[in-house]
PDB file of N, CA and C in Angstrom:
ATOM      1  N   MET A   1       1.802  17.268 -11.807  1.00  0.00           N
ATOM      2  CA  MET A   1       0.780  17.060 -10.789  1.00  0.00           C
ATOM      3  C   MET A   1       0.393  15.590 -10.705  1.00  0.00           C
ATOM      4  N   LYS A   2       0.268  14.955 -11.869  1.00  0.00           N
ATOM      5  CA  LYS A   2      -0.075  13.536 -11.901  1.00  0.00           C
ATOM      6  C   LYS A   2       1.018  12.708 -11.235  1.00  0.00           C
ATOM      7  N   TYR A   3       2.277  13.090 -11.469  1.00  0.00           N
ATOM      8  CA  TYR A   3       3.410  12.383 -10.882  1.00  0.00           C
ATOM      9  C   TYR A   3       3.372  12.442  -9.358  1.00  0.00           C
ATOM     10  N   VAL A   4       3.103  13.618  -8.831  1.00  0.00           N
ATOM     11  CA  VAL A   4       3.056  13.797  -7.374  1.00  0.00           C
ATOM     12  C   VAL A   4       1.909  12.999  -6.771  1.00  0.00           C
ATOM     13  N   LEU A   5       0.761  12.998  -7.424  1.00  0.00           N
ATOM     14  CA  LEU A   5      -0.394  12.246  -6.929  1.00  0.00           C
ATOM     15  C   LEU A   5      -0.113  10.748  -6.907  1.00  0.00           C
ATOM     16  N   LEU A   6       0.468  10.228  -7.985  1.00  0.00           N
ATOM     17  CA  LEU A   6       0.741   8.797  -8.044  1.00  0.00           C
ATOM     18  C   LEU A   6       1.835   8.394  -7.062  1.00  0.00           C
ATOM     19  N   ARG A   7       2.837   9.235  -6.875  1.00  0.00           N
ATOM     20  CA  ARG A   7       3.873   8.937  -5.873  1.00  0.00           C
ATOM     21  C   ARG A   7       3.288   8.990  -4.466  1.00  0.00           C
ATOM     22  N   SER A   8       2.356   9.894  -4.243  1.00  0.00           N
ATOM     23  CA  SER A   8       1.698   9.970  -2.938  1.00  0.00           C
ATOM     24  C   SER A   8       0.868   8.717  -2.668  1.00  0.00           C
ATOM     25  N   ILE A   9       0.223   8.197  -3.704  1.00  0.00           N
ATOM     26  CA  ILE A   9      -0.531   6.953  -3.563  1.00  0.00           C
ATOM     27  C   ILE A   9       0.416   5.802  -3.233  1.00  0.00           C
ATOM     28  N   GLN A  10       1.599   5.797  -3.840  1.00  0.00           N
ATOM     29  CA  GLN A  10       2.565   4.747  -3.533  1.00  0.00           C
ATOM     30  C   GLN A  10       3.043   4.831  -2.084  1.00  0.00           C
ATOM     31  N   VAL A  11       3.309   6.035  -1.611  1.00  0.00           N
ATOM     32  CA  VAL A  11       3.727   6.208  -0.219  1.00  0.00           C
ATOM     33  C   VAL A  11       2.598   5.785   0.718  1.00  0.00           C
ATOM     34  N   LEU A  12       1.374   6.155   0.388  1.00  0.00           N
ATOM     35  CA  LEU A  12       0.221   5.764   1.200  1.00  0.00           C
ATOM     36  C   LEU A  12       0.074   4.245   1.249  1.00  0.00           C
ATOM     37  N   SER A  13       0.287   3.586   0.126  1.00  0.00           N
ATOM     38  CA  SER A  13       0.151   2.132   0.113  1.00  0.00           C
ATOM     39  C   SER A  13       1.232   1.466   0.961  1.00  0.00           C
ATOM     40  N   LEU A  14       2.436   2.017   0.954  1.00  0.00           N
ATOM     41  CA  LEU A  14       3.484   1.465   1.813  1.00  0.00           C
ATOM     42  C   LEU A  14       3.169   1.690   3.284  1.00  0.00           C
ATOM     43  N   LEU A  15       2.576   2.833   3.602  1.00  0.00           N
ATOM     44  CA  LEU A  15       2.158   3.084   4.979  1.00  0.00           C
ATOM     45  C   LEU A  15       1.036   2.135   5.405  1.00  0.00           C
ATOM     46  N   ILE A  16       0.144   1.809   4.480  1.00  0.00           N
ATOM     47  CA  ILE A  16      -0.926   0.852   4.779  1.00  0.00           C
ATOM     48  C   ILE A  16      -0.331  -0.511   5.116  1.00  0.00           C
ATOM     49  N   VAL A  17       0.645  -0.935   4.335  1.00  0.00           N
ATOM     50  CA  VAL A  17       1.275  -2.234   4.580  1.00  0.00           C
ATOM     51  C   VAL A  17       1.992  -2.233   5.926  1.00  0.00           C
ATOM     52  N   LEU A  18       2.758  -1.189   6.198  1.00  0.00           N
ATOM     53  CA  LEU A  18       3.498  -1.137   7.464  1.00  0.00           C
ATOM     54  C   LEU A  18       2.585  -1.033   8.670  1.00  0.00           C
ATOM     55  N   SER A  19       1.557  -0.209   8.584  1.00  0.00           N
ATOM     56  CA  SER A  19       0.652  -0.075   9.725  1.00  0.00           C
ATOM     57  C   SER A  19      -0.157  -1.350   9.933  1.00  0.00           C
ATOM     58  N   GLY A  20      -0.531  -2.017   8.848  1.00  0.00           N
ATOM     59  CA  GLY A  20      -1.229  -3.300   8.972  1.00  0.00           C
ATOM     60  C   GLY A  20      -0.348  -4.359   9.602  1.00  0.00           C
ATOM     61  N   LEU A  21       0.934  -4.329   9.251  1.00  0.00           N
ATOM     62  CA  LEU A  21       1.873  -5.271   9.847  1.00  0.00           C
ATOM     63  C   LEU A  21       2.028  -5.013  11.343  1.00  0.00           C
ATOM     64  N   ILE A  22       2.196  -3.767  11.719  1.00  0.00           N
ATOM     65  CA  ILE A  22       2.371  -3.420  13.133  1.00  0.00           C
ATOM     66  C   ILE A  22       1.112  -3.732  13.930  1.00  0.00           C
ATOM     67  N   LYS A  23      -0.035  -3.318  13.407  1.00  0.00           N
ATOM     68  CA  LYS A  23      -1.303  -3.561  14.103  1.00  0.00           C
ATOM     69  C   LYS A  23      -1.611  -5.053  14.173  1.00  0.00           C
ATOM     70  N   GLY A  24      -1.354  -5.780  13.100  1.00  0.00           N
ATOM     71  CA  GLY A  24      -1.617  -7.214  13.075  1.00  0.00           C
ATOM     72  C   GLY A  24      -0.748  -7.985  14.047  1.00  0.00           C
ATOM     73  N   ILE A  25       0.514  -7.592  14.164  1.00  0.00           N
ATOM     74  CA  ILE A  25       1.407  -8.261  15.111  1.00  0.00           C
ATOM     75  C   ILE A  25       0.987  -7.969  16.540  1.00  0.00           C
ATOM     76  N   SER A  26       0.618  -6.719  16.803  1.00  0.00           N
ATOM     77  CA  SER A  26       0.248  -6.368  18.178  1.00  0.00           C
ATOM     78  C   SER A  26      -1.049  -7.039  18.618  1.00  0.00           C
ATOM     79  N   GLU A  27      -1.958  -7.305  17.675  1.00  0.00           N
ATOM     80  CA  GLU A  27      -3.233  -7.939  18.015  1.00  0.00           C
ATOM     81  C   GLU A  27      -3.263  -9.431  17.686  1.00  0.00           C
ATOM     82  N   ASN A  28      -2.141  -9.985  17.222  1.00  0.00           N
ATOM     83  CA  ASN A  28      -2.066 -11.384  16.788  1.00  0.00           C
ATOM     84  C   ASN A  28      -3.154 -11.713  15.770  1.00  0.00           C
ATOM     85  N   ASN A  29      -3.284 -10.842  14.754  1.00  0.00           N
ATOM     86  CA  ASN A  29      -4.330 -10.981  13.751  1.00  0.00           C
ATOM     87  C   ASN A  29      -3.676 -11.087  12.367  1.00  0.00           C
ATOM     88  N   VAL A  30      -3.568 -12.317  11.883  1.00  0.00           N
ATOM     89  CA  VAL A  30      -2.914 -12.541  10.599  1.00  0.00           C
ATOM     90  C   VAL A  30      -3.777 -12.049   9.443  1.00  0.00           C
ATOM     91  N   SER A  31      -5.084 -12.146   9.576  1.00  0.00           N
ATOM     92  CA  SER A  31      -5.953 -11.704   8.475  1.00  0.00           C
ATOM     93  C   SER A  31      -5.852 -10.197   8.269  1.00  0.00           C
ATOM     94  N   LEU A  32      -5.644  -9.441   9.336  1.00  0.00           N
ATOM     95  CA  LEU A  32      -5.444  -7.996   9.211  1.00  0.00           C
ATOM     96  C   LEU A  32      -4.154  -7.706   8.454  1.00  0.00           C
ATOM     97  N   GLU A  33      -3.114  -8.455   8.752  1.00  0.00           N
ATOM     98  CA  GLU A  33      -1.843  -8.286   8.046  1.00  0.00           C
ATOM     99  C   GLU A  33      -1.996  -8.608   6.564  1.00  0.00           C
ATOM    100  N   LEU A  34      -2.692  -9.687   6.263  1.00  0.00           N
ATOM    101  CA  LEU A  34      -2.865 -10.079   4.863  1.00  0.00           C
ATOM    102  C   LEU A  34      -3.732  -9.094   4.097  1.00  0.00           C
ATOM    103  N   ASN A  35      -4.784  -8.603   4.725  1.00  0.00           N
ATOM    104  CA  ASN A  35      -5.632  -7.609   4.062  1.00  0.00           C
ATOM    105  C   ASN A  35      -4.858  -6.332   3.765  1.00  0.00           C
ATOM    106  N   ALA A  36      -4.066  -5.878   4.714  1.00  0.00           N
ATOM    107  CA  ALA A  36      -3.258  -4.679   4.499  1.00  0.00           C
ATOM    108  C   ALA A  36      -2.230  -4.914   3.399  1.00  0.00           C
ATOM    109  N   LEU A  37      -1.654  -6.098   3.369  1.00  0.00           N
ATOM    110  CA  LEU A  37      -0.667  -6.422   2.338  1.00  0.00           C
ATOM    111  C   LEU A  37      -1.300  -6.437   0.954  1.00  0.00           C
ATOM    112  N   ILE A  38      -2.466  -7.041   0.837  1.00  0.00           N
ATOM    113  CA  ILE A  38      -3.143  -7.118  -0.461  1.00  0.00           C
ATOM    114  C   ILE A  38      -3.559  -5.735  -0.943  1.00  0.00           C
ATOM    115  N   ILE A  39      -4.184  -4.952  -0.072  1.00  0.00           N
ATOM    116  CA  ILE A  39      -4.637  -3.612  -0.452  1.00  0.00           C
ATOM    117  C   ILE A  39      -3.453  -2.722  -0.812  1.00  0.00           C
ATOM    118  N   GLY A  40      -2.417  -2.750   0.008  1.00  0.00           N
ATOM    119  CA  GLY A  40      -1.229  -1.938  -0.259  1.00  0.00           C
ATOM    120  C   GLY A  40      -0.536  -2.324  -1.546  1.00  0.00           C
ATOM    121  N   THR A  41      -0.447  -3.616  -1.802  1.00  0.00           N
ATOM    122  CA  THR A  41       0.210  -4.090  -3.020  1.00  0.00           C
ATOM    123  C   THR A  41      -0.566  -3.687  -4.270  1.00  0.00           C
ATOM    124  N   VAL A  42      -1.874  -3.840  -4.225  1.00  0.00           N
ATOM    125  CA  VAL A  42      -2.695  -3.465  -5.384  1.00  0.00           C
ATOM    126  C   VAL A  42      -2.588  -1.965  -5.661  1.00  0.00           C
ATOM    127  N   LEU A  43      -2.681  -1.151  -4.618  1.00  0.00           N
ATOM    128  CA  LEU A  43      -2.561   0.298  -4.811  1.00  0.00           C
ATOM    129  C   LEU A  43      -1.185   0.680  -5.348  1.00  0.00           C
ATOM    130  N   PHE A  44      -0.140   0.075  -4.800  1.00  0.00           N
ATOM    131  CA  PHE A  44       1.222   0.409  -5.221  1.00  0.00           C
ATOM    132  C   PHE A  44       1.445   0.075  -6.693  1.00  0.00           C
ATOM    133  N   TYR A  45       1.081  -1.135  -7.101  1.00  0.00           N
ATOM    134  CA  TYR A  45       1.335  -1.534  -8.472  1.00  0.00           C
ATOM    135  C   TYR A  45       0.404  -0.861  -9.467  1.00  0.00           C
ATOM    136  N   PHE A  46      -0.799  -0.497  -9.044  1.00  0.00           N
ATOM    137  CA  PHE A  46      -1.680   0.264  -9.925  1.00  0.00           C
ATOM    138  C   PHE A  46      -1.089   1.650 -10.192  1.00  0.00           C
ATOM    139  N   ALA A  47      -0.591   2.297  -9.148  1.00  0.00           N
ATOM    140  CA  ALA A  47       0.041   3.604  -9.331  1.00  0.00           C
ATOM    141  C   ALA A  47       1.311   3.466 -10.156  1.00  0.00           C
ATOM    142  N   ASN A  48       2.065   2.402  -9.939  1.00  0.00           N
ATOM    143  CA  ASN A  48       3.285   2.176 -10.702  1.00  0.00           C
ATOM    144  C   ASN A  48       2.970   1.932 -12.171  1.00  0.00           C
ATOM    145  N   LEU A  49       1.898   1.209 -12.443  1.00  0.00           N
ATOM    146  CA  LEU A  49       1.477   0.963 -13.820  1.00  0.00           C
ATOM    147  C   LEU A  49       1.138   2.277 -14.518  1.00  0.00           C
ATOM    148  N   LEU A  50       0.421   3.148 -13.826  1.00  0.00           N
ATOM    149  CA  LEU A  50       0.056   4.438 -14.418  1.00  0.00           C
ATOM    150  C   LEU A  50       1.271   5.338 -14.607  1.00  0.00           C
ATOM    151  N   LEU A  51       2.257   5.231 -13.717  1.00  0.00           N
ATOM    152  CA  LEU A  51       3.469   6.034 -13.875  1.00  0.00           C
ATOM    153  C   LEU A  51       4.296   5.577 -15.073  1.00  0.00           C
ATOM    154  N   ASN A  52       4.307   4.295 -15.335  1.00  0.00           N
ATOM    155  CA  ASN A  52       5.139   3.769 -16.431  1.00  0.00           C
ATOM    156  C   ASN A  52       4.479   3.892 -17.785  1.00  0.00           C
ATOM    157  N   LYS A  53       3.230   4.329 -17.853  1.00  0.00           N
ATOM    158  CA  LYS A  53       2.573   4.502 -19.160  1.00  0.00           C
ATOM    159  C   LYS A  53       3.149   5.675 -19.933  1.00  0.00           C
ATOM    160  N   ASN A  54       3.698   6.633 -19.249  1.00  0.00           N
ATOM    161  CA  ASN A  54       4.230   7.830 -19.929  1.00  0.00           C
ATOM    162  C   ASN A  54       5.580   7.597 -20.501  1.00  0.00           C
TER     163      ASN A  54
END
């Protein structure tokens, strides 16, 4: 169950990065792209860190 939850968080973080990229390009908003990248990266690596503890 923990594995599925952490993998789901990783997929969600990748979707955050992609949607931020698409939305940022369409609105010419670089800060939106950077915020999505930072949030997505932190979530992804936090979940990855918890997965590798086992």
